């Protein structure tokens, strides 16, 4: 039986750091809005559902991703909260749920399929990792054999953990049977008072669920928060095409 796949695109970010009034995910890469690269790739898998999480001012994002569904994140309370906003549209969906950030436009069909297949193998949470030339301040993926034990943010990492160069891209896949239960149990007991998707791994372990991570190409998982990073994405996009 064909694997059912839904994708949740997080597209509520503002373009402030890019000095633009335009939502970040609508900034162009190789002549096309970043988020359109993602929906075009997801169509090629193909996926059964695409839901984009937008801000209350996200009408232009909704138009760009049409005819796919959107839901509004009224307040930016973190990445886990953003995904949870899709619950009304994905309730009862028990296939694989991909969670994609709207500013990572270069992830390939084969990588998305690889993550989804890991869910089919029995992992309830699968993280897309990468090994950058400079791990810098990325969260580290702590593996034990082929299982992901935890994600450690750079600021919380020990010197030993900082020496690990397997980093978190933010992109994940979930077994849809458990996604909403995992999200509902993630707390916001942190300095920002936000609900972080990275806490899904710890939550899944408490539920006795298995987690793993796969390695993607560092250029493929690149994202953009600044104009400099956007220019870098443009370069990677031209190189890949």
Protein backbone atom coordinates (compact mmCIF):
# COMPACT_ATOMS: atom_id res chain seq x y z
CA UNK A 1 0.00 0.00 0.00
CA UNK A 2 1.30 3.46 -0.91
CA UNK A 3 2.60 5.50 1.99
CA UNK A 4 0.36 8.49 2.77
CA UNK A 5 2.33 11.71 3.32
CA UNK A 6 1.25 15.14 4.53
CA UNK A 7 3.50 18.18 4.69
CA UNK A 8 3.26 21.08 7.11
CA UNK A 9 5.17 24.14 5.92
CA UNK A 10 6.03 26.75 8.54
CA UNK A 11 5.50 30.04 6.72
CA UNK A 12 4.61 32.60 9.39
CA UNK A 13 8.03 34.30 9.59
CA UNK A 14 8.42 38.00 8.86
CA UNK A 15 11.03 39.46 6.50
CA UNK A 16 12.33 41.99 9.03
CA UNK A 17 15.95 40.83 9.03
CA UNK A 18 15.89 40.96 5.24
CA UNK A 19 14.83 44.61 5.43
CA UNK A 20 11.60 43.80 3.62
CA UNK A 21 7.87 44.18 4.26
CA UNK A 22 7.43 40.96 2.29
CA UNK A 23 7.02 37.74 4.35
CA UNK A 24 10.35 35.90 4.47
CA UNK A 25 9.10 32.82 2.59
CA UNK A 26 8.11 34.99 -0.39
CA UNK A 27 11.64 36.27 -0.93
CA UNK A 28 12.81 35.04 -4.36
CA UNK A 29 15.46 32.40 -5.01
CA UNK A 30 16.28 31.74 -8.68
CA UNK A 31 13.26 33.83 -9.69
CA UNK A 32 10.70 32.01 -7.55
CA UNK A 33 9.44 32.57 -3.96
CA UNK A 34 11.22 30.25 -1.54
CA UNK A 35 7.98 28.60 -0.45
CA UNK A 36 7.00 27.87 -4.09
CA UNK A 37 10.20 25.84 -4.51
CA UNK A 38 9.01 23.73 -1.57
CA UNK A 39 5.46 23.13 -2.80
CA UNK A 40 6.78 22.29 -6.28
CA UNK A 41 9.16 19.70 -4.77
CA UNK A 42 6.46 18.21 -2.52
CA UNK A 43 4.16 17.79 -5.54
CA UNK A 44 6.83 15.62 -7.18
CA UNK A 45 6.94 13.13 -4.25
CA UNK A 46 3.84 13.33 -4.41
CA UNK A 47 2.26 14.18 -1.05
CA UNK A 48 -1.42 13.76 -0.16
CA UNK A 49 -1.85 16.99 1.81
CA UNK A 50 0.04 20.29 2.11
CA UNK A 51 -0.82 22.70 4.92
CA UNK A 52 1.02 26.00 5.35
CA UNK A 53 1.06 27.81 8.68
CA UNK A 54 0.84 31.55 8.08
CA UNK A 55 0.76 34.70 10.20
CA UNK A 56 -2.42 36.79 10.56
CA UNK A 57 -0.98 39.08 7.84
CA UNK A 58 -0.10 36.13 5.59
CA UNK A 59 -2.67 36.62 2.80
CA UNK A 60 0.06 36.85 0.16
CA UNK A 61 1.59 33.58 1.39
CA UNK A 62 -1.85 31.93 1.23
CA UNK A 63 -2.26 33.13 -2.38
CA UNK A 64 1.19 31.81 -3.31
CA UNK A 65 0.55 28.31 -1.94
CA UNK A 66 -3.04 28.07 -3.27
CA UNK A 67 -4.88 25.78 -3.82
CA UNK A 68 -3.26 24.16 -0.77
CA UNK A 69 -4.73 24.76 2.69
CA UNK A 70 -3.45 27.28 5.21
CA UNK A 71 -3.96 27.82 8.93
CA UNK A 72 -3.13 30.92 10.95
CA UNK A 73 -0.73 31.06 13.88
CA UNK A 74 -2.25 34.01 15.72
CA UNK A 75 0.77 34.52 17.99
CA UNK A 76 4.31 33.35 17.33
CA UNK A 77 4.72 31.01 20.30
CA UNK A 78 7.39 28.73 18.84
CA UNK A 79 7.85 26.07 16.19
CA UNK A 80 5.97 23.28 18.00
CA UNK A 81 3.03 25.65 18.52
CA UNK A 82 3.13 26.53 14.80
CA UNK A 83 2.86 22.86 13.79
CA UNK A 84 0.08 22.32 16.37
CA UNK A 85 -1.93 25.08 14.66
CA UNK A 86 -2.47 22.62 11.77
CA UNK A 87 -4.30 20.11 13.99
CA UNK A 88 -7.77 21.04 12.73
CA UNK A 89 -6.75 20.34 9.14
CA UNK A 90 -4.78 17.15 9.79
CA UNK A 91 -6.90 15.56 12.52
CA UNK A 92 -7.21 11.85 11.88
CA UNK A 93 -4.30 11.76 9.42
CA UNK A 94 -2.17 8.73 10.29
CA UNK A 95 0.43 8.71 7.53
CA UNK A 96 3.83 10.38 7.60
CA UNK A 97 3.84 14.08 8.46
CA UNK A 98 6.74 16.14 7.11
CA UNK A 99 7.52 19.42 8.86
CA UNK A 100 9.34 21.84 6.59
CA UNK A 101 10.54 25.38 7.21
CA UNK A 102 9.41 27.78 4.50
CA UNK A 103 12.89 29.24 4.14
CA UNK A 104 14.59 25.94 3.20
CA UNK A 105 13.75 25.83 -0.52
CA UNK A 106 16.44 23.46 -1.82
CA UNK A 107 15.60 20.13 -0.13
CA UNK A 108 15.21 17.46 -2.80
CA UNK A 109 12.53 14.88 -3.49
CA UNK A 110 14.95 12.06 -2.65
CA UNK A 111 15.77 13.56 0.76
CA UNK A 112 12.10 14.01 1.65
CA UNK A 113 11.45 10.41 0.57
CA UNK A 114 14.40 9.19 2.64
CA UNK A 115 12.99 10.85 5.78
CA UNK A 116 9.49 9.50 5.08
CA UNK A 117 10.85 5.97 4.58
CA UNK A 118 12.49 6.07 8.01
CA UNK A 119 9.04 6.61 9.52
CA UNK A 120 7.88 3.53 7.61
CA UNK A 121 10.75 1.62 9.26
CA UNK A 122 9.23 2.29 12.68
CA UNK A 123 10.70 5.60 13.82
CA UNK A 124 8.11 8.04 15.17
CA UNK A 125 10.36 11.11 14.88
CA UNK A 126 12.99 11.53 12.16
CA UNK A 127 15.26 14.58 12.05
CA UNK A 128 17.11 15.78 8.96
CA UNK A 129 20.68 16.52 10.01
CA UNK A 130 23.73 17.83 8.20
CA UNK A 131 27.46 18.30 8.74
CA UNK A 132 28.42 21.92 8.00
CA UNK A 133 32.03 23.03 7.56
CA UNK A 134 31.46 25.28 10.58
CA UNK A 135 28.95 23.80 13.10
CA UNK A 136 28.94 27.21 14.81
CA UNK A 137 25.81 27.68 16.89
CA UNK A 138 23.62 24.92 15.42
CA UNK A 139 21.89 22.42 17.70
CA UNK A 140 23.75 19.10 17.88
CA UNK A 141 22.19 15.70 17.17
CA UNK A 142 23.29 13.16 19.77
CA UNK A 143 23.13 9.68 18.25
CA UNK A 144 23.54 6.25 19.83
CA UNK A 145 23.98 3.63 17.12
CA UNK A 146 21.18 4.44 14.66
CA UNK A 147 18.88 6.14 17.17
CA UNK A 148 18.65 9.82 18.03
CA UNK A 149 18.99 10.28 21.79
CA UNK A 150 18.44 14.02 21.95
CA UNK A 151 18.94 17.42 20.34
CA UNK A 152 21.18 19.75 22.35
CA UNK A 153 21.09 23.46 21.63
CA UNK A 154 24.55 25.01 21.27
CA UNK A 155 24.14 27.20 24.35
CA UNK A 156 23.35 24.12 26.48
CA UNK A 157 26.00 21.83 24.97
CA UNK A 158 29.03 20.56 26.87
CA UNK A 159 32.46 20.84 25.26
CA UNK A 160 32.19 17.18 24.23
CA UNK A 161 28.79 17.79 22.61
CA UNK A 162 30.07 20.94 20.85
CA UNK A 163 32.74 18.76 19.24
CA UNK A 164 29.96 16.81 17.47
CA UNK A 165 29.47 18.12 13.92
CA UNK A 166 26.12 16.42 13.19
CA UNK A 167 23.69 19.34 13.33
CA UNK A 168 19.94 19.91 13.30
CA UNK A 169 18.43 21.41 10.12
CA UNK A 170 15.02 21.79 11.79
CA UNK A 171 13.25 19.66 9.16
CA UNK A 172 11.51 16.61 10.65
CA UNK A 173 9.13 13.78 9.86
CA UNK A 174 6.64 12.25 12.28
CA UNK A 175 4.44 9.21 12.43
CA UNK A 176 1.08 10.95 12.07
CA UNK A 177 -0.49 8.62 14.65
CA UNK A 178 1.61 10.29 17.35
CA UNK A 179 2.26 13.80 16.03
CA UNK A 180 -0.52 15.66 17.86
CA UNK A 181 0.06 13.73 21.11
CA UNK A 182 3.78 14.60 21.00
CA UNK A 183 3.07 18.28 20.29
CA UNK A 184 0.44 18.49 23.05
CA UNK A 185 3.02 17.34 25.62
CA UNK A 186 5.75 19.82 24.69
CA UNK A 187 6.07 22.53 27.34
CA UNK A 188 7.30 26.12 27.24
CA UNK A 189 9.43 26.17 30.37
CA UNK A 190 12.26 28.15 28.80
CA UNK A 191 13.53 31.72 28.74
CA UNK A 192 11.42 32.68 25.71
CA UNK A 193 8.26 30.94 26.96
CA UNK A 194 7.93 29.24 23.56
CA UNK A 195 7.07 25.70 22.47
CA UNK A 196 10.04 24.28 20.56
CA UNK A 197 9.80 21.50 18.01
CA UNK A 198 13.27 20.28 19.03
CA UNK A 199 11.67 19.10 22.31
CA UNK A 200 9.70 16.52 20.29
CA UNK A 201 12.60 14.05 20.58
CA UNK A 202 12.65 14.14 24.37
CA UNK A 203 8.84 13.95 24.47
CA UNK A 204 8.78 10.97 22.09
CA UNK A 205 11.28 9.11 24.26
CA UNK A 206 9.03 9.65 27.29
CA UNK A 207 6.27 8.00 25.24
CA UNK A 208 8.63 5.06 24.50
CA UNK A 209 8.79 5.96 20.82
CA UNK A 210 11.87 5.59 18.62
CA UNK A 211 13.69 8.55 17.06
CA UNK A 212 16.46 8.78 14.49
CA UNK A 213 18.23 11.26 12.21
CA UNK A 214 19.47 11.07 8.63
CA UNK A 215 22.20 13.15 7.03
CA UNK A 216 21.41 15.61 4.27
CA UNK A 217 23.70 17.77 2.19
CA UNK A 218 24.69 21.02 3.93
CA UNK A 219 23.89 23.16 0.87
CA UNK A 220 20.55 21.42 0.36
CA UNK A 221 19.33 22.19 3.89
CA UNK A 222 20.53 25.82 3.84
CA UNK A 223 18.01 28.42 4.98
CA UNK A 224 17.86 32.21 4.89
CA UNK A 225 17.23 34.75 7.63
CA UNK A 226 19.33 37.59 6.19
CA UNK A 227 20.01 39.10 2.77
CA UNK A 228 23.50 37.55 2.88
CA UNK A 229 22.04 34.09 3.48
CA UNK A 230 19.50 34.70 0.71
CA UNK A 231 22.36 35.46 -1.70
CA UNK A 232 24.04 32.22 -0.58
CA UNK A 233 20.83 30.28 -1.30
CA UNK A 234 20.70 31.84 -4.76
CA UNK A 235 24.23 30.58 -5.41
CA UNK A 236 23.41 27.05 -4.17
CA UNK A 237 20.22 27.01 -6.26
CA UNK A 238 22.09 27.93 -9.46
CA UNK A 239 24.73 25.31 -8.68
CA UNK A 240 22.07 22.59 -8.20
CA UNK A 241 20.10 23.43 -11.34
